Amino acid sequence: MNIFKKVASLNYRKDILPLQMLKEPHKILVLFPIEPYKSDLIIPAITNLKNKFSSSDIIGVTSEDHSLSIRNSRLFNEVVCYDRVPKLFSRRFFKLRNEIKNLQADISIDLNLENDLLTWISGAGLRIGCISSPFINYRIKLKEEKISSEEVANKIIKILCTSR
């Protein structure tokens, strides 16, 4: 494991799902996959999330390539777009970090299967994802080896919506 990841995550590591954070989250951040995905298969899961947390703001974070279908959806209160994930500690990294951190999300749902950088910079108290990472403090364990981002979205949001 990279020593930087280990040191950076020391104050954030939690092993249980804090149910009090699920009572009334003000902002829920949905980090869409960096890899290609079919947004029409993820939107039903986001609809369930919006129905369950109707008073919460849902913010989508996605790349410019996939932003059109998300911007057209009325499920999101705000959509943050980036052209590509920046290199660590570059000028673009700090700009994107400030933009995402200023959203002050309570919950971050990471649908990425490989990259956890956006989860880390979100600063959310509850960071949910499916990859083994020190930056994700509630990991959804997947039994399947090959799984798509759309299936990850459906599993994470199903667990989130039923644990309340």
Protein backbone atom coordinates (compact mmCIF):
# COMPACT_ATOMS: atom_id res chain seq x y z
CA MET A 1 0.00 0.00 0.00
CA ASN A 2 1.20 3.47 -0.82
CA ILE A 3 2.47 5.17 2.36
CA PHE A 4 0.86 8.45 1.28
CA LYS A 5 -2.59 6.84 1.16
CA LYS A 6 -2.05 5.26 4.55
CA VAL A 7 -0.96 8.50 6.23
CA ALA A 8 -3.62 10.61 4.54
CA SER A 9 -6.40 8.33 5.72
CA LEU A 10 -5.49 7.95 9.39
CA ASN A 11 -8.06 10.43 10.75
CA TYR A 12 -10.82 9.29 8.42
CA ARG A 13 -10.94 5.53 8.86
CA LYS A 14 -14.20 4.09 10.20
CA ASP A 15 -15.37 0.50 10.01
CA ILE A 16 -19.10 0.77 10.63
CA LEU A 17 -21.85 2.56 8.78
CA PRO A 18 -22.80 5.55 10.95
CA LEU A 19 -26.58 5.40 10.80
CA GLN A 20 -26.96 8.86 12.35
CA MET A 21 -25.46 10.31 9.15
CA LEU A 22 -28.24 8.64 7.18
CA LYS A 23 -31.04 10.31 9.15
CA GLU A 24 -31.08 13.66 7.37
CA PRO A 25 -28.07 14.27 5.13
CA HIS A 26 -28.06 17.77 3.66
CA LYS A 27 -25.95 16.96 0.61
CA ILE A 28 -25.23 13.66 -1.09
CA LEU A 29 -22.39 13.57 -3.59
CA VAL A 30 -22.56 10.96 -6.35
CA LEU A 31 -19.16 10.44 -7.99
CA PHE A 32 -19.80 8.96 -11.38
CA PRO A 33 -17.30 6.49 -12.85
CA ILE A 34 -14.27 7.73 -14.72
CA GLU A 35 -14.43 4.67 -16.95
CA PRO A 36 -17.21 4.51 -19.59
CA TYR A 37 -20.65 3.67 -18.27
CA LYS A 38 -24.29 3.74 -19.37
CA SER A 39 -25.99 6.57 -17.51
CA ASP A 40 -29.47 5.32 -18.41
CA LEU A 41 -28.78 2.26 -16.23
CA ILE A 42 -27.60 4.37 -13.27
CA ILE A 43 -30.45 6.93 -13.32
CA PRO A 44 -33.05 4.48 -11.81
CA ALA A 45 -30.76 3.98 -8.80
CA ILE A 46 -30.41 7.76 -8.42
CA THR A 47 -34.22 8.04 -8.62
CA ASN A 48 -34.49 5.63 -5.65
CA LEU A 49 -31.92 7.70 -3.78
CA LYS A 50 -33.84 10.91 -4.47
CA ASN A 51 -37.10 9.30 -3.34
CA LYS A 52 -35.55 8.05 -0.10
CA PHE A 53 -33.73 11.31 0.75
CA SER A 54 -36.18 13.79 -0.76
CA SER A 55 -35.05 16.71 1.39
CA SER A 56 -31.36 16.21 0.52
CA ASP A 57 -29.49 17.92 -2.29
CA ILE A 58 -28.02 15.39 -4.70
CA ILE A 59 -24.92 16.58 -6.50
CA GLY A 60 -23.39 14.69 -9.42
CA VAL A 61 -19.67 14.79 -10.15
CA THR A 62 -18.78 13.52 -13.61
CA SER A 63 -16.40 13.97 -16.49
CA GLU A 64 -17.27 16.25 -19.40
CA ASP A 65 -17.69 13.18 -21.65
CA HIS A 66 -20.66 11.91 -19.64
CA SER A 67 -22.11 15.16 -18.36
CA LEU A 68 -24.88 15.69 -20.94
CA SER A 69 -27.18 12.90 -19.75
CA ILE A 70 -26.64 13.85 -16.11
CA ARG A 71 -27.24 17.57 -16.72
CA ASN A 72 -30.51 16.73 -18.50
CA SER A 73 -31.74 14.75 -15.51
CA ARG A 74 -33.82 16.69 -12.99
CA LEU A 75 -32.65 14.43 -10.16
CA PHE A 76 -29.55 16.50 -9.45
CA ASN A 77 -29.55 19.84 -7.70
CA GLU A 78 -26.09 20.53 -9.08
CA VAL A 79 -23.63 18.90 -11.48
CA VAL A 80 -19.86 19.41 -11.24
CA CYS A 81 -17.87 18.53 -14.36
CA TYR A 82 -14.16 17.99 -14.89
CA ASP A 83 -12.33 17.32 -18.13
CA ARG A 84 -10.19 14.48 -16.69
CA VAL A 85 -8.92 13.49 -13.28
CA PRO A 86 -5.94 15.75 -12.58
CA LYS A 87 -2.53 14.60 -11.48
CA LEU A 88 -1.96 14.72 -7.76
CA PHE A 89 -0.91 18.16 -6.46
CA SER A 90 -1.21 19.88 -9.84
CA ARG A 91 -2.92 23.26 -10.22
CA ARG A 92 -6.01 21.57 -11.69
CA PHE A 93 -6.05 19.13 -8.76
CA PHE A 94 -6.32 21.97 -6.22
CA LYS A 95 -8.98 23.75 -8.29
CA LEU A 96 -11.12 20.60 -8.50
CA ARG A 97 -10.46 19.80 -4.84
CA ASN A 98 -11.65 23.23 -3.72
CA GLU A 99 -14.74 23.03 -5.92
CA ILE A 100 -15.74 19.61 -4.57
CA LYS A 101 -14.76 20.31 -0.95
CA ASN A 102 -16.78 23.57 -0.94
CA LEU A 103 -19.91 21.52 -1.63
CA GLN A 104 -19.64 20.25 1.98
CA ALA A 105 -21.27 16.91 1.29
CA ASP A 106 -22.35 14.67 4.16
CA ILE A 107 -22.29 11.47 2.11
CA SER A 108 -20.12 10.61 -0.88
CA ILE A 109 -21.15 7.67 -3.06
CA ASP A 110 -18.25 6.61 -5.26
CA LEU A 111 -19.21 4.52 -8.29
CA ASN A 112 -15.63 4.18 -9.54
CA LEU A 113 -14.08 0.75 -9.80
CA GLU A 114 -10.43 1.84 -9.85
CA ASN A 115 -9.85 5.46 -8.83
CA ASP A 116 -10.63 6.82 -5.35
CA LEU A 117 -9.08 10.27 -5.64
CA LEU A 118 -12.41 12.11 -5.90
CA THR A 119 -13.72 10.35 -2.80
CA TRP A 120 -10.73 11.50 -0.82
CA ILE A 121 -10.97 15.14 -1.87
CA SER A 122 -14.71 15.31 -1.20
CA GLY A 123 -14.13 15.45 2.55
CA ALA A 124 -17.51 13.82 3.19
CA GLY A 125 -18.01 12.27 6.61
CA LEU A 126 -19.38 9.07 5.09
CA ARG A 127 -17.61 7.84 1.95
CA ILE A 128 -19.22 4.77 0.41
CA GLY A 129 -17.60 2.75 -2.37
CA CYS A 130 -16.74 -0.76 -3.46
CA ILE A 131 -12.96 -0.74 -3.87
CA SER A 132 -10.55 -1.54 -1.10
CA SER A 133 -9.16 1.87 -0.22
CA PRO A 134 -8.17 3.76 2.90
CA PHE A 135 -10.19 6.71 1.57
CA ILE A 136 -13.51 4.84 1.60
CA ASN A 137 -14.81 4.37 5.12
CA TYR A 138 -17.74 2.11 4.26
CA ARG A 139 -16.95 -0.48 1.63
CA ILE A 140 -19.58 -2.52 -0.16
CA LYS A 141 -18.04 -5.95 -0.73
CA LEU A 142 -18.79 -7.38 -4.15
CA LYS A 143 -18.86 -11.12 -4.70
CA GLU A 144 -18.56 -10.91 -8.48
CA GLU A 145 -15.13 -10.40 -10.00
CA LYS A 146 -16.26 -8.63 -13.14
CA ILE A 147 -18.97 -6.12 -12.37
CA SER A 148 -20.04 -3.00 -14.19
CA SER A 149 -20.34 0.49 -12.75
CA GLU A 150 -24.08 0.34 -13.31
CA GLU A 151 -24.38 -2.74 -11.07
CA VAL A 152 -22.18 -1.08 -8.47
CA ALA A 153 -24.49 1.95 -8.44
CA ASN A 154 -27.55 -0.22 -7.97
CA LYS A 155 -25.97 -2.24 -5.13
CA ILE A 156 -24.61 0.75 -3.23
CA ILE A 157 -27.80 2.77 -3.45
CA LYS A 158 -29.97 -0.24 -2.58
CA ILE A 159 -27.94 -0.82 0.59
CA LEU A 160 -27.97 2.88 1.43
CA CYS A 161 -31.73 3.19 0.97
CA THR A 162 -32.57 0.07 3.00
CA SER A 163 -30.26 0.79 5.94
CA ARG A 164 -32.22 3.81 7.09
